[in-house]
């Protein structure tokens, strides 16, 4: 299958834009879900259903943050974050997503 040269220039512009839109929508929804989870945990801790301490939160953070940072490096290598069409798509995805 061959792409006609008249529209071949659109592929490197449109694909990063669509990826940016999707990533922006995912980030926006993830942030809203995280805020709801944090509010739920705060209410549960305030009412006494769960007990939280600074030490337990610190232990969990030191356990999970290195895993998250290694996954971020992998994601950074996959995304076309230097493309202006990706950045525009990301901004629109965060705004409208």
C-alpha atoms as a PDB file:
ATOM      1  CA  UNK A   1       0.000   0.000   0.000  1.00  0.00           C
ATOM      2  CA  UNK A   2       1.395   3.339  -1.032  1.00  0.00           C
ATOM      3  CA  UNK A   3       0.451   6.772   0.205  1.00  0.00           C
ATOM      4  CA  UNK A   4       0.037   9.415  -2.508  1.00  0.00           C
ATOM      5  CA  UNK A   5       2.688  12.142  -2.263  1.00  0.00           C
ATOM      6  CA  UNK A   6       0.015  14.840  -2.076  1.00  0.00           C
ATOM      7  CA  UNK A   7      -1.101  13.655   1.367  1.00  0.00           C
ATOM      8  CA  UNK A   8       2.098  11.951   2.558  1.00  0.00           C
ATOM      9  CA  UNK A   9       3.220  15.135   4.342  1.00  0.00           C
ATOM     10  CA  UNK A  10       0.125  14.945   6.576  1.00  0.00           C
ATOM     11  CA  UNK A  11       1.140  11.683   8.257  1.00  0.00           C
ATOM     12  CA  UNK A  12       4.077  13.071  10.315  1.00  0.00           C
ATOM     13  CA  UNK A  13       1.880  16.012  11.354  1.00  0.00           C
ATOM     14  CA  UNK A  14      -1.415  14.275  12.131  1.00  0.00           C
ATOM     15  CA  UNK A  15      -0.118  11.203  13.993  1.00  0.00           C
ATOM     16  CA  UNK A  16       1.746  13.171  16.734  1.00  0.00           C
ATOM     17  CA  UNK A  17      -1.262  15.509  17.025  1.00  0.00           C
ATOM     18  CA  UNK A  18      -3.643  12.585  17.633  1.00  0.00           C
ATOM     19  CA  UNK A  19      -1.195  11.010  20.098  1.00  0.00           C
ATOM     20  CA  UNK A  20      -1.043  14.363  21.930  1.00  0.00           C
ATOM     21  CA  UNK A  21      -4.836  14.576  22.069  1.00  0.00           C
ATOM     22  CA  UNK A  22      -5.083  11.095  23.555  1.00  0.00           C
ATOM     23  CA  UNK A  23      -2.280  11.624  26.088  1.00  0.00           C
ATOM     24  CA  UNK A  24      -3.797  14.970  27.139  1.00  0.00           C
ATOM     25  CA  UNK A  25      -7.220  13.411  27.699  1.00  0.00           C
ATOM     26  CA  UNK A  26      -5.656  10.530  29.650  1.00  0.00           C
ATOM     27  CA  UNK A  27      -3.673  12.921  31.866  1.00  0.00           C
ATOM     28  CA  UNK A  28      -6.698  15.103  32.563  1.00  0.00           C
ATOM     29  CA  UNK A  29      -8.893  12.170  33.542  1.00  0.00           C
ATOM     30  CA  UNK A  30      -6.120  10.581  35.604  1.00  0.00           C
ATOM     31  CA  UNK A  31      -5.646  13.774  37.595  1.00  0.00           C
ATOM     32  CA  UNK A  32      -9.364  14.021  38.320  1.00  0.00           C
ATOM     33  CA  UNK A  33      -9.508  10.380  39.451  1.00  0.00           C
ATOM     34  CA  UNK A  34      -6.419  10.870  41.657  1.00  0.00           C
ATOM     35  CA  UNK A  35      -8.005  13.904  43.306  1.00  0.00           C
ATOM     36  CA  UNK A  36     -11.134  11.869  44.057  1.00  0.00           C
ATOM     37  CA  UNK A  37      -9.050   9.021  45.516  1.00  0.00           C
ATOM     38  CA  UNK A  38      -7.101  11.473  47.686  1.00  0.00           C
ATOM     39  CA  UNK A  39     -10.361  13.006  48.922  1.00  0.00           C
ATOM     40  CA  UNK A  40     -11.722   9.541  49.721  1.00  0.00           C
ATOM     41  CA  UNK A  41      -8.579   8.580  51.628  1.00  0.00           C
ATOM     42  CA  UNK A  42      -8.682  11.863  53.550  1.00  0.00           C
ATOM     43  CA  UNK A  43     -12.314  11.289  54.553  1.00  0.00           C
ATOM     44  CA  UNK A  44     -11.600   7.690  55.567  1.00  0.00           C
ATOM     45  CA  UNK A  45      -8.592   8.773  57.633  1.00  0.00           C
ATOM     46  CA  UNK A  46     -10.549  11.628  59.236  1.00  0.00           C
ATOM     47  CA  UNK A  47     -13.423   9.364  60.252  1.00  0.00           C
ATOM     48  CA  UNK A  48     -11.107   6.657  61.556  1.00  0.00           C
ATOM     49  CA  UNK A  49     -11.826   3.883  59.079  1.00  0.00           C
ATOM     50  CA  UNK A  50      -8.122   3.764  58.138  1.00  0.00           C
ATOM     51  CA  UNK A  51      -5.069   4.926  60.011  1.00  0.00           C
ATOM     52  CA  UNK A  52      -2.362   6.855  58.226  1.00  0.00           C
ATOM     53  CA  UNK A  53       0.990   7.979  59.507  1.00  0.00           C
ATOM     54  CA  UNK A  54       3.805   9.932  57.946  1.00  0.00           C
ATOM     55  CA  UNK A  55       6.086   6.921  58.307  1.00  0.00           C
ATOM     56  CA  UNK A  56       3.743   4.600  56.422  1.00  0.00           C
ATOM     57  CA  UNK A  57       3.260   7.144  53.659  1.00  0.00           C
ATOM     58  CA  UNK A  58       7.034   7.617  53.406  1.00  0.00           C
ATOM     59  CA  UNK A  59       7.630   3.867  53.186  1.00  0.00           C
ATOM     60  CA  UNK A  60       5.074   3.461  50.416  1.00  0.00           C
ATOM     61  CA  UNK A  61       6.500   6.457  48.532  1.00  0.00           C
ATOM     62  CA  UNK A  62      10.037   5.065  48.660  1.00  0.00           C
ATOM     63  CA  UNK A  63       8.687   1.729  47.435  1.00  0.00           C
ATOM     64  CA  UNK A  64       6.669   2.972  44.451  1.00  0.00           C
ATOM     65  CA  UNK A  65       8.378   6.172  43.247  1.00  0.00           C
ATOM     66  CA  UNK A  66      11.441   4.441  41.729  1.00  0.00           C
ATOM     67  CA  UNK A  67       9.118   2.174  39.737  1.00  0.00           C
ATOM     68  CA  UNK A  68       7.182   5.166  38.444  1.00  0.00           C
ATOM     69  CA  UNK A  69      10.326   7.059  37.455  1.00  0.00           C
ATOM     70  CA  UNK A  70      11.662   4.079  35.454  1.00  0.00           C
ATOM     71  CA  UNK A  71       8.354   3.826  33.588  1.00  0.00           C
ATOM     72  CA  UNK A  72       8.483   7.556  32.895  1.00  0.00           C
ATOM     73  CA  UNK A  73      11.869   7.151  31.206  1.00  0.00           C
ATOM     74  CA  UNK A  74      10.437   4.452  28.945  1.00  0.00           C
ATOM     75  CA  UNK A  75       7.437   6.617  28.102  1.00  0.00           C
ATOM     76  CA  UNK A  76       9.695   9.588  27.391  1.00  0.00           C
ATOM     77  CA  UNK A  77      11.512   7.580  24.743  1.00  0.00           C
ATOM     78  CA  UNK A  78       8.246   6.572  23.047  1.00  0.00           C
ATOM     79  CA  UNK A  79       6.438   9.914  22.809  1.00  0.00           C
ATOM     80  CA  UNK A  80       7.196  12.534  20.141  1.00  0.00           C
ATOM     81  CA  UNK A  81       7.275  15.319  22.748  1.00  0.00           C
ATOM     82  CA  UNK A  82       9.503  17.578  20.616  1.00  0.00           C
ATOM     83  CA  UNK A  83       6.940  17.802  17.811  1.00  0.00           C
ATOM     84  CA  UNK A  84       4.917  21.015  17.802  1.00  0.00           C
ATOM     85  CA  UNK A  85       1.851  19.124  16.580  1.00  0.00           C
ATOM     86  CA  UNK A  86       2.158  16.776  19.603  1.00  0.00           C
ATOM     87  CA  UNK A  87       2.390  19.751  21.976  1.00  0.00           C
ATOM     88  CA  UNK A  88      -0.659  21.396  20.372  1.00  0.00           C
ATOM     89  CA  UNK A  89      -2.586  18.113  20.585  1.00  0.00           C
ATOM     90  CA  UNK A  90      -1.518  17.673  24.210  1.00  0.00           C
ATOM     91  CA  UNK A  91      -2.680  21.189  25.106  1.00  0.00           C
ATOM     92  CA  UNK A  92      -6.046  20.670  23.421  1.00  0.00           C
ATOM     93  CA  UNK A  93      -6.407  17.255  25.073  1.00  0.00           C
ATOM     94  CA  UNK A  94      -5.693  18.729  28.502  1.00  0.00           C
ATOM     95  CA  UNK A  95      -8.079  21.618  27.886  1.00  0.00           C
ATOM     96  CA  UNK A  96     -11.000  19.837  26.241  1.00  0.00           C
ATOM     97  CA  UNK A  97     -10.297  16.195  27.196  1.00  0.00           C
END
